[in-house]
Every structure is written in structure tokens, then in C-alpha cells.
PDB file of all heavy atoms in Angstrom:
ATOM      1  N   ILE A   1      98.254  72.807 124.938  1.00  0.00           N
ATOM      2  CA  ILE A   1      99.305  73.181 124.112  1.00  0.00           C
ATOM      3  C   ILE A   1      98.823  74.353 123.330  1.00  0.00           C
ATOM      4  O   ILE A   1      97.692  74.364 122.784  1.00  0.00           O
ATOM      5  CB  ILE A   1      99.806  72.104 123.011  1.00  0.00           C
ATOM      6  CG1 ILE A   1     100.198  70.782 123.724  1.00  0.00           C
ATOM      7  CG2 ILE A   1     100.984  72.695 122.273  1.00  0.00           C
ATOM      8  CD1 ILE A   1     101.304  70.817 124.545  1.00  0.00           C
ATOM      9  N   ILE A   2      99.585  75.526 123.131  1.00  0.00           N
ATOM     10  CA  ILE A   2      99.257  76.705 122.454  1.00  0.00           C
ATOM     11  C   ILE A   2     100.114  76.899 121.305  1.00  0.00           C
ATOM     12  O   ILE A   2     101.490  76.834 121.538  1.00  0.00           O
ATOM     13  CB  ILE A   2      99.201  77.913 123.400  1.00  0.00           C
ATOM     14  CG1 ILE A   2      98.112  77.746 124.572  1.00  0.00           C
ATOM     15  CG2 ILE A   2      98.847  79.169 122.660  1.00  0.00           C
ATOM     16  CD1 ILE A   2      98.310  78.841 125.712  1.00  0.00           C
ATOM     17  N   VAL A   3      99.529  77.216 120.193  1.00  0.00           N
ATOM     18  CA  VAL A   3     100.487  77.231 118.982  1.00  0.00           C
ATOM     19  C   VAL A   3     100.194  78.764 118.401  1.00  0.00           C
ATOM     20  O   VAL A   3      99.130  79.170 118.328  1.00  0.00           O
ATOM     21  CB  VAL A   3     100.002  76.215 117.924  1.00  0.00           C
ATOM     22  CG1 VAL A   3     100.687  76.525 116.515  1.00  0.00           C
ATOM     23  CG2 VAL A   3     100.433  74.833 118.381  1.00  0.00           C
ATOM     24  N   SER A   4     101.249  79.295 117.864  1.00  0.00           N
ATOM     25  CA  SER A   4     100.998  80.453 117.034  1.00  0.00           C
ATOM     26  C   SER A   4     102.141  80.496 115.942  1.00  0.00           C
ATOM     27  O   SER A   4     103.142  79.642 115.805  1.00  0.00           O
ATOM     28  CB  SER A   4     101.178  81.803 117.882  1.00  0.00           C
ATOM     29  OG  SER A   4     102.493  81.998 118.378  1.00  0.00           O
ATOM     30  N   PHE A   5     101.969  81.361 114.931  1.00  0.00           N
ATOM     31  CA  PHE A   5     102.854  81.529 113.791  1.00  0.00           C
ATOM     32  C   PHE A   5     103.683  82.719 113.785  1.00  0.00           C
ATOM     33  O   PHE A   5     103.308  83.708 114.480  1.00  0.00           O
ATOM     34  CB  PHE A   5     101.998  81.319 112.578  1.00  0.00           C
ATOM     35  CG  PHE A   5     101.299  80.009 112.486  1.00  0.00           C
ATOM     36  CD1 PHE A   5     100.042  79.833 112.928  1.00  0.00           C
ATOM     37  CD2 PHE A   5     101.976  78.879 111.947  1.00  0.00           C
ATOM     38  CE1 PHE A   5      99.321  78.744 112.891  1.00  0.00           C
ATOM     39  CE2 PHE A   5     101.239  77.727 111.796  1.00  0.00           C
ATOM     40  CZ  PHE A   5      99.952  77.584 112.369  1.00  0.00           C
ATOM     41  N   LEU A   6     104.675  82.793 113.080  1.00  0.00           N
ATOM     42  CA  LEU A   6     105.688  83.870 113.011  1.00  0.00           C
ATOM     43  C   LEU A   6     104.950  85.144 112.590  1.00  0.00           C
ATOM     44  O   LEU A   6     104.302  85.174 111.627  1.00  0.00           O
ATOM     45  CB  LEU A   6     106.804  83.545 112.032  1.00  0.00           C
ATOM     46  CG  LEU A   6     108.014  84.520 112.015  1.00  0.00           C
ATOM     47  CD1 LEU A   6     108.813  84.492 113.305  1.00  0.00           C
ATOM     48  CD2 LEU A   6     108.861  84.267 110.854  1.00  0.00           C
ATOM     49  N   ASP A   7     105.157  86.172 113.326  1.00  0.00           N
ATOM     50  CA  ASP A   7     104.675  87.519 113.014  1.00  0.00           C
ATOM     51  C   ASP A   7     105.780  88.411 112.524  1.00  0.00           C
ATOM     52  O   ASP A   7     106.929  88.205 112.918  1.00  0.00           O
ATOM     53  CB  ASP A   7     103.942  88.180 114.245  1.00  0.00           C
ATOM     54  CG  ASP A   7     102.668  87.521 114.514  1.00  0.00           C
ATOM     55  OD1 ASP A   7     101.844  87.359 113.562  1.00  0.00           O
ATOM     56  OD2 ASP A   7     102.492  87.225 115.750  1.00  0.00           O
ATOM     57  N   ASN A   8     105.372  89.477 111.690  1.00  0.00           N
ATOM     58  CA  ASN A   8     106.498  90.260 111.147  1.00  0.00           C
ATOM     59  C   ASN A   8     106.850  91.452 112.043  1.00  0.00           C
ATOM     60  O   ASN A   8     106.645  92.560 111.614  1.00  0.00           O
ATOM     61  CB  ASN A   8     105.906  90.777 109.727  1.00  0.00           C
ATOM     62  CG  ASN A   8     107.111  91.306 108.899  1.00  0.00           C
ATOM     63  OD1 ASN A   8     108.196  90.841 108.916  1.00  0.00           O
ATOM     64  ND2 ASN A   8     106.620  92.315 108.046  1.00  0.00           N
ATOM     65  N   TYR A   9     107.494  91.220 113.152  1.00  0.00           N
ATOM     66  CA  TYR A   9     107.951  92.158 114.031  1.00  0.00           C
ATOM     67  C   TYR A   9     109.246  92.750 113.454  1.00  0.00           C
ATOM     68  O   TYR A   9     109.878  92.267 112.550  1.00  0.00           O
ATOM     69  CB  TYR A   9     108.244  91.650 115.361  1.00  0.00           C
ATOM     70  CG  TYR A   9     107.077  90.991 116.057  1.00  0.00           C
ATOM     71  CD1 TYR A   9     106.989  89.511 116.367  1.00  0.00           C
ATOM     72  CD2 TYR A   9     105.975  91.687 116.396  1.00  0.00           C
ATOM     73  CE1 TYR A   9     105.958  88.990 117.020  1.00  0.00           C
ATOM     74  CE2 TYR A   9     104.905  91.150 116.978  1.00  0.00           C
ATOM     75  CZ  TYR A   9     104.873  89.777 117.344  1.00  0.00           C
ATOM     76  OH  TYR A   9     103.812  89.156 117.999  1.00  0.00           O
ATOM     77  N   LYS A  10     109.590  93.921 114.035  1.00  0.00           N
ATOM     78  CA  LYS A  10     110.893  94.631 113.617  1.00  0.00           C
ATOM     79  C   LYS A  10     112.000  93.703 113.703  1.00  0.00           C
ATOM     80  O   LYS A  10     112.972  93.753 112.872  1.00  0.00           O
ATOM     81  CB  LYS A  10     111.103  95.867 114.456  1.00  0.00           C
ATOM     82  CG  LYS A  10     110.167  97.058 114.106  1.00  0.00           C
ATOM     83  CD  LYS A  10     110.525  98.278 114.949  1.00  0.00           C
ATOM     84  CE  LYS A  10     109.627  99.462 114.672  1.00  0.00           C
ATOM     85  NZ  LYS A  10     109.885 100.584 115.403  1.00  0.00           N
ATOM     86  N   ASN A  11     112.170  92.963 114.835  1.00  0.00           N
ATOM     87  CA  ASN A  11     113.289  92.034 114.998  1.00  0.00           C
ATOM     88  C   ASN A  11     113.288  90.868 114.075  1.00  0.00           C
ATOM     89  O   ASN A  11     114.355  90.426 113.526  1.00  0.00           O
ATOM     90  CB  ASN A  11     113.274  91.454 116.441  1.00  0.00           C
ATOM     91  CG  ASN A  11     114.511  90.979 116.948  1.00  0.00           C
ATOM     92  OD1 ASN A  11     115.501  91.507 116.770  1.00  0.00           O
ATOM     93  ND2 ASN A  11     114.539  89.726 117.590  1.00  0.00           N
ATOM     94  N   VAL A  12     112.035  90.488 113.605  1.00  0.00           N
ATOM     95  CA  VAL A  12     111.908  89.439 112.628  1.00  0.00           C
ATOM     96  C   VAL A  12     112.554  89.857 111.292  1.00  0.00           C
ATOM     97  O   VAL A  12     113.200  89.301 110.606  1.00  0.00           O
ATOM     98  CB  VAL A  12     110.516  88.954 112.466  1.00  0.00           C
ATOM     99  CG1 VAL A  12     110.313  88.046 111.266  1.00  0.00           C
ATOM    100  CG2 VAL A  12     109.998  88.260 113.653  1.00  0.00           C
ATOM    101  N   GLU A  13     112.112  91.196 110.905  1.00  0.00           N
ATOM    102  CA  GLU A  13     112.614  91.724 109.690  1.00  0.00           C
ATOM    103  C   GLU A  13     114.124  91.865 109.617  1.00  0.00           C
ATOM    104  O   GLU A  13     114.773  91.642 108.744  1.00  0.00           O
ATOM    105  CB  GLU A  13     111.977  93.084 109.452  1.00  0.00           C
ATOM    106  CG  GLU A  13     110.384  92.985 109.178  1.00  0.00           C
ATOM    107  CD  GLU A  13     109.861  94.518 108.850  1.00  0.00           C
ATOM    108  OE1 GLU A  13     110.589  95.449 108.961  1.00  0.00           O
ATOM    109  OE2 GLU A  13     108.641  94.608 108.639  1.00  0.00           O
ATOM    110  N   ARG A  14     114.720  92.122 110.834  1.00  0.00           N
ATOM    111  CA  ARG A  14     116.048  92.316 110.911  1.00  0.00           C
ATOM    112  C   ARG A  14     116.773  91.020 110.855  1.00  0.00           C
ATOM    113  O   ARG A  14     117.973  90.972 110.525  1.00  0.00           O
ATOM    114  CB  ARG A  14     116.377  92.997 112.369  1.00  0.00           C
ATOM    115  CG  ARG A  14     117.693  93.644 112.436  1.00  0.00           C
ATOM    116  CD  ARG A  14     117.889  94.322 113.795  1.00  0.00           C
ATOM    117  NE  ARG A  14     116.945  95.498 113.835  1.00  0.00           N
ATOM    118  CZ  ARG A  14     115.982  95.587 114.656  1.00  0.00           C
ATOM    119  NH1 ARG A  14     115.782  94.692 115.539  1.00  0.00           N
ATOM    120  NH2 ARG A  14     115.226  96.849 114.679  1.00  0.00           N
ATOM    121  N   ASN A  15     116.155  89.994 111.089  1.00  0.00           N
ATOM    122  CA  ASN A  15     116.750  88.593 111.081  1.00  0.00           C
ATOM    123  C   ASN A  15     116.237  87.700 110.069  1.00  0.00           C
ATOM    124  O   ASN A  15     116.425  86.454 110.196  1.00  0.00           O
ATOM    125  CB  ASN A  15     116.587  88.006 112.487  1.00  0.00           C
ATOM    126  CG  ASN A  15     117.377  88.633 113.582  1.00  0.00           C
ATOM    127  OD1 ASN A  15     118.453  88.796 113.519  1.00  0.00           O
ATOM    128  ND2 ASN A  15     116.699  88.978 114.602  1.00  0.00           N
ATOM    129  N   LEU A  16     115.676  88.207 108.953  1.00  0.00           N
ATOM    130  CA  LEU A  16     115.211  87.356 107.915  1.00  0.00           C
ATOM    131  C   LEU A  16     116.325  86.515 107.338  1.00  0.00           C
ATOM    132  O   LEU A  16     116.116  85.430 106.787  1.00  0.00           O
ATOM    133  CB  LEU A  16     114.604  88.254 106.799  1.00  0.00           C
ATOM    134  CG  LEU A  16     113.243  88.932 107.090  1.00  0.00           C
ATOM    135  CD1 LEU A  16     112.716  89.781 106.082  1.00  0.00           C
ATOM    136  CD2 LEU A  16     112.142  87.791 107.407  1.00  0.00           C
ATOM    137  N   ASN A  17     117.565  87.103 107.238  1.00  0.00           N
ATOM    138  CA  ASN A  17     118.709  86.341 106.753  1.00  0.00           C
ATOM    139  C   ASN A  17     119.167  85.193 107.618  1.00  0.00           C
ATOM    140  O   ASN A  17     119.868  84.233 107.134  1.00  0.00           O
ATOM    141  CB  ASN A  17     119.969  87.331 106.518  1.00  0.00           C
ATOM    142  CG  ASN A  17     120.421  87.796 107.826  1.00  0.00           C
ATOM    143  OD1 ASN A  17     119.543  88.079 108.732  1.00  0.00           O
ATOM    144  ND2 ASN A  17     121.644  88.152 107.902  1.00  0.00           N
ATOM    145  N   VAL A  18     118.658  85.069 108.701  1.00  0.00           N
ATOM    146  CA  VAL A  18     118.836  84.004 109.733  1.00  0.00           C
ATOM    147  C   VAL A  18     117.647  83.055 109.680  1.00  0.00           C
ATOM    148  O   VAL A  18     117.874  81.763 109.654  1.00  0.00           O
ATOM    149  CB  VAL A  18     119.099  84.458 111.104  1.00  0.00           C
ATOM    150  CG1 VAL A  18     119.238  83.223 112.053  1.00  0.00           C
ATOM    151  CG2 VAL A  18     120.282  85.458 111.214  1.00  0.00           C
ATOM    152  N   LEU A  19     116.509  83.665 109.715  1.00  0.00           N
ATOM    153  CA  LEU A  19     115.262  82.825 109.724  1.00  0.00           C
ATOM    154  C   LEU A  19     114.916  82.116 108.404  1.00  0.00           C
ATOM    155  O   LEU A  19     114.469  80.934 108.390  1.00  0.00           O
ATOM    156  CB  LEU A  19     114.102  83.556 110.217  1.00  0.00           C
ATOM    157  CG  LEU A  19     114.205  84.258 111.613  1.00  0.00           C
ATOM    158  CD1 LEU A  19     113.110  85.362 111.816  1.00  0.00           C
ATOM    159  CD2 LEU A  19     114.076  83.194 112.676  1.00  0.00           C
ATOM    160  N   HIS A  20     115.093  82.733 107.329  1.00  0.00           N
ATOM    161  CA  HIS A  20     114.734  82.344 105.991  1.00  0.00           C
ATOM    162  C   HIS A  20     113.369  81.701 105.817  1.00  0.00           C
ATOM    163  O   HIS A  20     113.077  80.560 105.451  1.00  0.00           O
ATOM    164  CB  HIS A  20     115.784  81.276 105.541  1.00  0.00           C
ATOM    165  CG  HIS A  20     117.188  81.711 105.522  1.00  0.00           C
ATOM    166  ND1 HIS A  20     117.584  82.632 104.598  1.00  0.00           N
ATOM    167  CD2 HIS A  20     118.162  81.346 106.257  1.00  0.00           C
ATOM    168  CE1 HIS A  20     118.876  82.872 104.877  1.00  0.00           C
ATOM    169  NE2 HIS A  20     119.270  81.989 105.839  1.00  0.00           N
ATOM    170  N   PRO A  21     112.250  82.449 106.466  1.00  0.00           N
ATOM    171  CA  PRO A  21     110.929  81.882 106.546  1.00  0.00           C
ATOM    172  C   PRO A  21     110.295  81.767 105.171  1.00  0.00           C
ATOM    173  O   PRO A  21     110.510  82.656 104.284  1.00  0.00           O
ATOM    174  CB  PRO A  21     110.284  82.927 107.395  1.00  0.00           C
ATOM    175  CG  PRO A  21     110.951  84.195 107.224  1.00  0.00           C
ATOM    176  CD  PRO A  21     112.383  83.837 106.914  1.00  0.00           C
ATOM    177  N   LYS A  22     109.505  80.659 104.954  1.00  0.00           N
ATOM    178  CA  LYS A  22     108.745  80.566 103.640  1.00  0.00           C
ATOM    179  C   LYS A  22     107.361  80.967 103.998  1.00  0.00           C
ATOM    180  O   LYS A  22     106.918  80.931 105.144  1.00  0.00           O
ATOM    181  CB  LYS A  22     108.770  79.145 103.185  1.00  0.00           C
ATOM    182  CG  LYS A  22     110.134  78.711 102.790  1.00  0.00           C
ATOM    183  CD  LYS A  22     110.028  77.176 102.331  1.00  0.00           C
ATOM    184  CE  LYS A  22     111.391  76.690 101.779  1.00  0.00           C
ATOM    185  NZ  LYS A  22     111.265  75.227 101.243  1.00  0.00           N
ATOM    186  N   ILE A  23     106.549  81.317 102.942  1.00  0.00           N
ATOM    187  CA  ILE A  23     105.087  81.642 103.141  1.00  0.00           C
ATOM    188  C   ILE A  23     104.474  80.251 103.494  1.00  0.00           C
ATOM    189  O   ILE A  23     104.700  79.243 102.842  1.00  0.00           O
ATOM    190  CB  ILE A  23     104.574  82.301 101.855  1.00  0.00           C
ATOM    191  CG1 ILE A  23     105.305  83.554 101.632  1.00  0.00           C
ATOM    192  CG2 ILE A  23     103.133  82.376 101.978  1.00  0.00           C
ATOM    193  CD1 ILE A  23     104.806  84.295 100.345  1.00  0.00           C
ATOM    194  N   ILE A  24     103.537  80.235 104.481  1.00  0.00           N
ATOM    195  CA  ILE A  24     102.804  79.149 104.796  1.00  0.00           C
ATOM    196  C   ILE A  24     101.491  78.979 104.081  1.00  0.00           C
ATOM    197  O   ILE A  24     100.690  80.071 104.000  1.00  0.00           O
ATOM    198  CB  ILE A  24     102.526  79.131 106.344  1.00  0.00           C
ATOM    199  CG1 ILE A  24     103.851  79.251 107.203  1.00  0.00           C
ATOM    200  CG2 ILE A  24     101.657  77.956 106.702  1.00  0.00           C
ATOM    201  CD1 ILE A  24     103.494  79.293 108.665  1.00  0.00           C
ATOM    202  N   THR A  25     101.389  78.031 103.243  1.00  0.00           N
ATOM    203  CA  THR A  25     100.298  77.865 102.498  1.00  0.00           C
ATOM    204  C   THR A  25      99.086  77.196 103.163  1.00  0.00           C
ATOM    205  O   THR A  25      99.161  76.690 104.238  1.00  0.00           O
ATOM    206  CB  THR A  25     100.603  76.963 101.227  1.00  0.00           C
ATOM    207  OG1 THR A  25     100.862  75.639 101.802  1.00  0.00           O
ATOM    208  CG2 THR A  25     101.852  77.433 100.479  1.00  0.00           C
ATOM    209  N   GLU A  26      97.928  77.244 102.555  1.00  0.00           N
ATOM    210  CA  GLU A  26      96.800  76.606 103.088  1.00  0.00           C
ATOM    211  C   GLU A  26      96.926  75.198 103.310  1.00  0.00           C
ATOM    212  O   GLU A  26      96.561  74.535 104.224  1.00  0.00           O
ATOM    213  CB  GLU A  26      95.524  76.833 102.187  1.00  0.00           C
ATOM    214  CG  GLU A  26      95.093  78.329 102.183  1.00  0.00           C
ATOM    215  CD  GLU A  26      94.651  78.779 103.549  1.00  0.00           C
ATOM    216  OE1 GLU A  26      94.056  77.992 104.349  1.00  0.00           O
ATOM    217  OE2 GLU A  26      94.707  79.941 103.824  1.00  0.00           O
ATOM    218  N   GLU A  27      97.698  74.467 102.381  1.00  0.00           N
ATOM    219  CA  GLU A  27      97.983  73.020 102.483  1.00  0.00           C
ATOM    220  C   GLU A  27      98.842  72.789 103.806  1.00  0.00           C
ATOM    221  O   GLU A  27      98.783  71.815 104.443  1.00  0.00           O
ATOM    222  CB  GLU A  27      98.574  72.622 101.251  1.00  0.00           C
ATOM    223  CG  GLU A  27      98.783  71.051 101.164  1.00  0.00           C
ATOM    224  CD  GLU A  27      97.444  70.389 101.101  1.00  0.00           C
ATOM    225  OE1 GLU A  27      96.476  70.884 100.799  1.00  0.00           O
ATOM    226  OE2 GLU A  27      97.514  69.176 101.855  1.00  0.00           O
ATOM    227  N   ASP A  28      99.775  73.793 103.898  1.00  0.00           N
ATOM    228  CA  ASP A  28     100.716  73.731 105.209  1.00  0.00           C
ATOM    229  C   ASP A  28      99.871  73.764 106.386  1.00  0.00           C
ATOM    230  O   ASP A  28     100.039  73.021 107.383  1.00  0.00           O
ATOM    231  CB  ASP A  28     101.713  74.819 105.170  1.00  0.00           C
ATOM    232  CG  ASP A  28     102.700  74.642 103.997  1.00  0.00           C
ATOM    233  OD1 ASP A  28     103.065  73.569 103.605  1.00  0.00           O
ATOM    234  OD2 ASP A  28     103.330  75.688 103.662  1.00  0.00           O
ATOM    235  N   TYR A  29      98.898  74.803 106.537  1.00  0.00           N
ATOM    236  CA  TYR A  29      98.054  74.868 107.567  1.00  0.00           C
ATOM    237  C   TYR A  29      97.258  73.708 107.887  1.00  0.00           C
ATOM    238  O   TYR A  29      97.164  73.156 109.057  1.00  0.00           O
ATOM    239  CB  TYR A  29      97.145  76.059 107.557  1.00  0.00           C
ATOM    240  CG  TYR A  29      97.748  77.368 107.693  1.00  0.00           C
ATOM    241  CD1 TYR A  29      97.820  78.372 106.703  1.00  0.00           C
ATOM    242  CD2 TYR A  29      98.337  77.876 108.937  1.00  0.00           C
ATOM    243  CE1 TYR A  29      98.340  79.682 106.866  1.00  0.00           C
ATOM    244  CE2 TYR A  29      98.776  79.075 109.068  1.00  0.00           C
ATOM    245  CZ  TYR A  29      98.933  79.938 108.082  1.00  0.00           C
ATOM    246  OH  TYR A  29      99.544  81.223 108.284  1.00  0.00           O
ATOM    247  N   LYS A  30      96.801  73.052 106.846  1.00  0.00           N
ATOM    248  CA  LYS A  30      95.969  71.810 106.985  1.00  0.00           C
ATOM    249  C   LYS A  30      96.892  70.697 107.616  1.00  0.00           C
ATOM    250  O   LYS A  30      96.374  69.875 108.416  1.00  0.00           O
ATOM    251  CB  LYS A  30      95.402  71.359 105.656  1.00  0.00           C
ATOM    252  CG  LYS A  30      94.589  70.094 105.680  1.00  0.00           C
ATOM    253  CD  LYS A  30      94.080  69.745 104.340  1.00  0.00           C
ATOM    254  CE  LYS A  30      93.250  68.441 104.305  1.00  0.00           C
ATOM    255  NZ  LYS A  30      92.835  68.135 103.047  1.00  0.00           N
ATOM    256  N   GLU A  31      98.017  70.552 107.042  1.00  0.00           N
ATOM    257  CA  GLU A  31      98.972  69.466 107.490  1.00  0.00           C
ATOM    258  C   GLU A  31      99.281  69.750 108.948  1.00  0.00           C
ATOM    259  O   GLU A  31      99.364  68.834 109.824  1.00  0.00           O
ATOM    260  CB  GLU A  31     100.262  69.468 106.628  1.00  0.00           C
ATOM    261  CG  GLU A  31     101.268  68.415 106.987  1.00  0.00           C
ATOM    262  CD  GLU A  31     100.778  66.995 106.880  1.00  0.00           C
ATOM    263  OE1 GLU A  31      99.912  66.838 106.067  1.00  0.00           O
ATOM    264  OE2 GLU A  31     101.318  66.153 107.664  1.00  0.00           O
ATOM    265  N   ILE A  32      99.658  70.944 109.369  1.00  0.00           N
ATOM    266  CA  ILE A  32      99.892  71.256 110.772  1.00  0.00           C
ATOM    267  C   ILE A  32      98.674  71.076 111.627  1.00  0.00           C
ATOM    268  O   ILE A  32      98.878  70.400 112.653  1.00  0.00           O
ATOM    269  CB  ILE A  32     100.427  72.735 110.873  1.00  0.00           C
ATOM    270  CG1 ILE A  32     101.815  72.881 110.268  1.00  0.00           C
ATOM    271  CG2 ILE A  32     100.427  73.190 112.342  1.00  0.00           C
ATOM    272  CD1 ILE A  32     102.125  74.382 110.128  1.00  0.00           C
ATOM    273  N   GLY A  33      97.551  71.456 111.201  1.00  0.00           N
ATOM    274  CA  GLY A  33      96.377  71.369 111.990  1.00  0.00           C
ATOM    275  C   GLY A  33      95.951  69.844 112.169  1.00  0.00           C
ATOM    276  O   GLY A  33      95.808  69.472 113.356  1.00  0.00           O
ATOM    277  N   THR A  34      95.940  69.003 111.223  1.00  0.00           N
ATOM    278  CA  THR A  34      95.564  67.679 111.325  1.00  0.00           C
ATOM    279  C   THR A  34      96.639  66.814 112.041  1.00  0.00           C
ATOM    280  O   THR A  34      96.263  65.989 113.062  1.00  0.00           O
ATOM    281  CB  THR A  34      95.352  66.991 109.952  1.00  0.00           C
ATOM    282  OG1 THR A  34      96.502  67.171 109.134  1.00  0.00           O
ATOM    283  CG2 THR A  34      94.137  67.576 109.276  1.00  0.00           C
ATOM    284  N   SER A  35      97.890  67.062 111.785  1.00  0.00           N
ATOM    285  CA  SER A  35      98.955  66.286 112.480  1.00  0.00           C
ATOM    286  C   SER A  35      99.049  66.678 114.031  1.00  0.00           C
ATOM    287  O   SER A  35      99.120  65.784 114.939  1.00  0.00           O
ATOM    288  CB  SER A  35     100.329  66.547 111.805  1.00  0.00           C
ATOM    289  OG  SER A  35     101.335  65.937 112.563  1.00  0.00           O
ATOM    290  N   PHE A  36      99.067  67.955 114.223  1.00  0.00           N
ATOM    291  CA  PHE A  36      99.177  68.470 115.677  1.00  0.00           C
ATOM    292  C   PHE A  36      97.964  68.001 116.460  1.00  0.00           C
ATOM    293  O   PHE A  36      98.106  67.574 117.657  1.00  0.00           O
ATOM    294  CB  PHE A  36      99.238  70.085 115.750  1.00  0.00           C
ATOM    295  CG  PHE A  36     100.642  70.447 115.496  1.00  0.00           C
ATOM    296  CD1 PHE A  36     101.658  69.853 114.634  1.00  0.00           C
ATOM    297  CD2 PHE A  36     101.143  71.784 115.989  1.00  0.00           C
ATOM    298  CE1 PHE A  36     102.767  70.385 114.329  1.00  0.00           C
ATOM    299  CE2 PHE A  36     102.308  72.282 115.672  1.00  0.00           C
ATOM    300  CZ  PHE A  36     103.229  71.564 114.912  1.00  0.00           C
ATOM    301  N   SER A  37      96.700  68.074 115.910  1.00  0.00           N
ATOM    302  CA  SER A  37      95.514  67.587 116.517  1.00  0.00           C
ATOM    303  C   SER A  37      95.558  66.193 117.004  1.00  0.00           C
ATOM    304  O   SER A  37      95.296  65.747 118.093  1.00  0.00           O
ATOM    305  CB  SER A  37      94.246  67.825 115.705  1.00  0.00           C
ATOM    306  OG  SER A  37      94.102  69.353 115.550  1.00  0.00           O
ATOM    307  N   ARG A  38      96.147  65.388 116.018  1.00  0.00           N
ATOM    308  CA  ARG A  38      96.298  63.909 116.251  1.00  0.00           C
ATOM    309  C   ARG A  38      97.163  63.652 117.449  1.00  0.00           C
ATOM    310  O   ARG A  38      96.925  62.763 118.274  1.00  0.00           O
ATOM    311  CB  ARG A  38      96.708  63.233 114.917  1.00  0.00           C
ATOM    312  CG  ARG A  38      96.783  61.679 114.923  1.00  0.00           C
ATOM    313  CD  ARG A  38      96.881  61.187 113.519  1.00  0.00           C
ATOM    314  NE  ARG A  38      98.113  61.696 112.874  1.00  0.00           N
ATOM    315  CZ  ARG A  38      97.974  62.485 111.823  1.00  0.00           C
ATOM    316  NH1 ARG A  38      96.781  62.831 111.317  1.00  0.00           N
ATOM    317  NH2 ARG A  38      99.034  62.884 111.199  1.00  0.00           N
ATOM    318  N   SER A  39      98.399  64.285 117.317  1.00  0.00           N
ATOM    319  CA  SER A  39      99.492  64.067 118.425  1.00  0.00           C
ATOM    320  C   SER A  39      98.911  64.503 119.724  1.00  0.00           C
ATOM    321  O   SER A  39      99.134  63.796 120.709  1.00  0.00           O
ATOM    322  CB  SER A  39     100.722  64.795 117.973  1.00  0.00           C
ATOM    323  OG  SER A  39     101.236  64.357 116.841  1.00  0.00           O
ATOM    324  N   ALA A  40      98.256  65.648 119.779  1.00  0.00           N
ATOM    325  CA  ALA A  40      97.776  66.184 121.078  1.00  0.00           C
ATOM    326  C   ALA A  40      96.659  65.185 121.625  1.00  0.00           C
ATOM    327  O   ALA A  40      96.689  64.782 122.880  1.00  0.00           O
ATOM    328  CB  ALA A  40      97.180  67.538 120.970  1.00  0.00           C
ATOM    329  N   LYS A  41      95.786  64.810 120.755  1.00  0.00           N
ATOM    330  CA  LYS A  41      94.657  63.854 121.299  1.00  0.00           C
ATOM    331  C   LYS A  41      95.221  62.588 121.724  1.00  0.00           C
ATOM    332  O   LYS A  41      94.737  62.058 122.777  1.00  0.00           O
ATOM    333  CB  LYS A  41      93.690  63.649 120.030  1.00  0.00           C
ATOM    334  CG  LYS A  41      92.555  62.780 120.486  1.00  0.00           C
ATOM    335  CD  LYS A  41      91.630  62.713 119.353  1.00  0.00           C
ATOM    336  CE  LYS A  41      90.278  61.768 119.798  1.00  0.00           C
ATOM    337  NZ  LYS A  41      89.418  61.606 118.563  1.00  0.00           N
ATOM    338  N   LYS A  42      96.247  62.029 121.064  1.00  0.00           N
ATOM    339  CA  LYS A  42      96.874  60.770 121.592  1.00  0.00           C
ATOM    340  C   LYS A  42      97.362  60.844 122.893  1.00  0.00           C
ATOM    341  O   LYS A  42      97.454  59.830 123.626  1.00  0.00           O
ATOM    342  CB  LYS A  42      98.026  60.455 120.523  1.00  0.00           C
ATOM    343  CG  LYS A  42      98.768  59.145 120.821  1.00  0.00           C
ATOM    344  CD  LYS A  42      99.856  58.956 119.802  1.00  0.00           C
ATOM    345  CE  LYS A  42     100.607  57.599 120.144  1.00  0.00           C
ATOM    346  NZ  LYS A  42     101.588  57.387 119.112  1.00  0.00           N
ATOM    347  N   HIS A  43      97.804  62.020 123.347  1.00  0.00           N
ATOM    348  CA  HIS A  43      98.502  62.201 124.679  1.00  0.00           C
ATOM    349  C   HIS A  43      97.568  62.999 125.662  1.00  0.00           C
ATOM    350  O   HIS A  43      98.129  63.640 126.591  1.00  0.00           O
ATOM    351  CB  HIS A  43      99.804  62.851 124.545  1.00  0.00           C
ATOM    352  CG  HIS A  43     100.775  62.030 123.715  1.00  0.00           C
ATOM    353  ND1 HIS A  43     101.426  60.897 124.394  1.00  0.00           N
ATOM    354  CD2 HIS A  43     101.275  62.088 122.541  1.00  0.00           C
ATOM    355  CE1 HIS A  43     102.153  60.341 123.363  1.00  0.00           C
ATOM    356  NE2 HIS A  43     102.026  61.137 122.208  1.00  0.00           N
ATOM    357  N   ASN A  44      96.200  62.987 125.352  1.00  0.00           N
ATOM    358  CA  ASN A  44      95.159  63.643 126.178  1.00  0.00           C
ATOM    359  C   ASN A  44      95.415  65.140 126.520  1.00  0.00           C
ATOM    360  O   ASN A  44      95.302  65.493 127.548  1.00  0.00           O
ATOM    361  CB  ASN A  44      95.198  62.886 127.548  1.00  0.00           C
ATOM    362  CG  ASN A  44      94.752  61.363 127.362  1.00  0.00           C
ATOM    363  OD1 ASN A  44      93.740  61.008 126.794  1.00  0.00           O
ATOM    364  ND2 ASN A  44      95.632  60.415 128.022  1.00  0.00           N
ATOM    365  N   MET A  45      95.775  65.840 125.362  1.00  0.00           N
ATOM    366  CA  MET A  45      96.023  67.242 125.504  1.00  0.00           C
ATOM    367  C   MET A  45      95.214  67.916 124.568  1.00  0.00           C
ATOM    368  O   MET A  45      94.717  67.369 123.484  1.00  0.00           O
ATOM    369  CB  MET A  45      97.390  67.590 125.105  1.00  0.00           C
ATOM    370  CG  MET A  45      98.555  66.935 125.904  1.00  0.00           C
ATOM    371  SD  MET A  45     100.115  67.157 125.244  1.00  0.00           S
ATOM    372  CE  MET A  45     101.227  66.024 126.390  1.00  0.00           C
TER     373      MET A  45
END
């Protein structure tokens, strides 16, 4: 599984009113990292 995060492309700037993205905090990265790692490992990925 390959993961990436939203980048600020021209199309993204144009669609901010649809996406409504929040700033990802260090705590968010930690939660994503630990949770995703756990799920992947459980299924041998």
C-alpha cells in the first residue's frame, strides 16, 4: 500500500471550496501512521 497526502496543485487551489482541507497536525500524522501500520501488518501488507 502506498500513501501520500494532498499537495497544493493549481487544481486543488481551484477546488478548495469543495475539498475544505484542514491542516494535518503532527498528532494527525502519528494517528495515521500507527493506525495504518497496524491495519497493513494485520493483513500481511
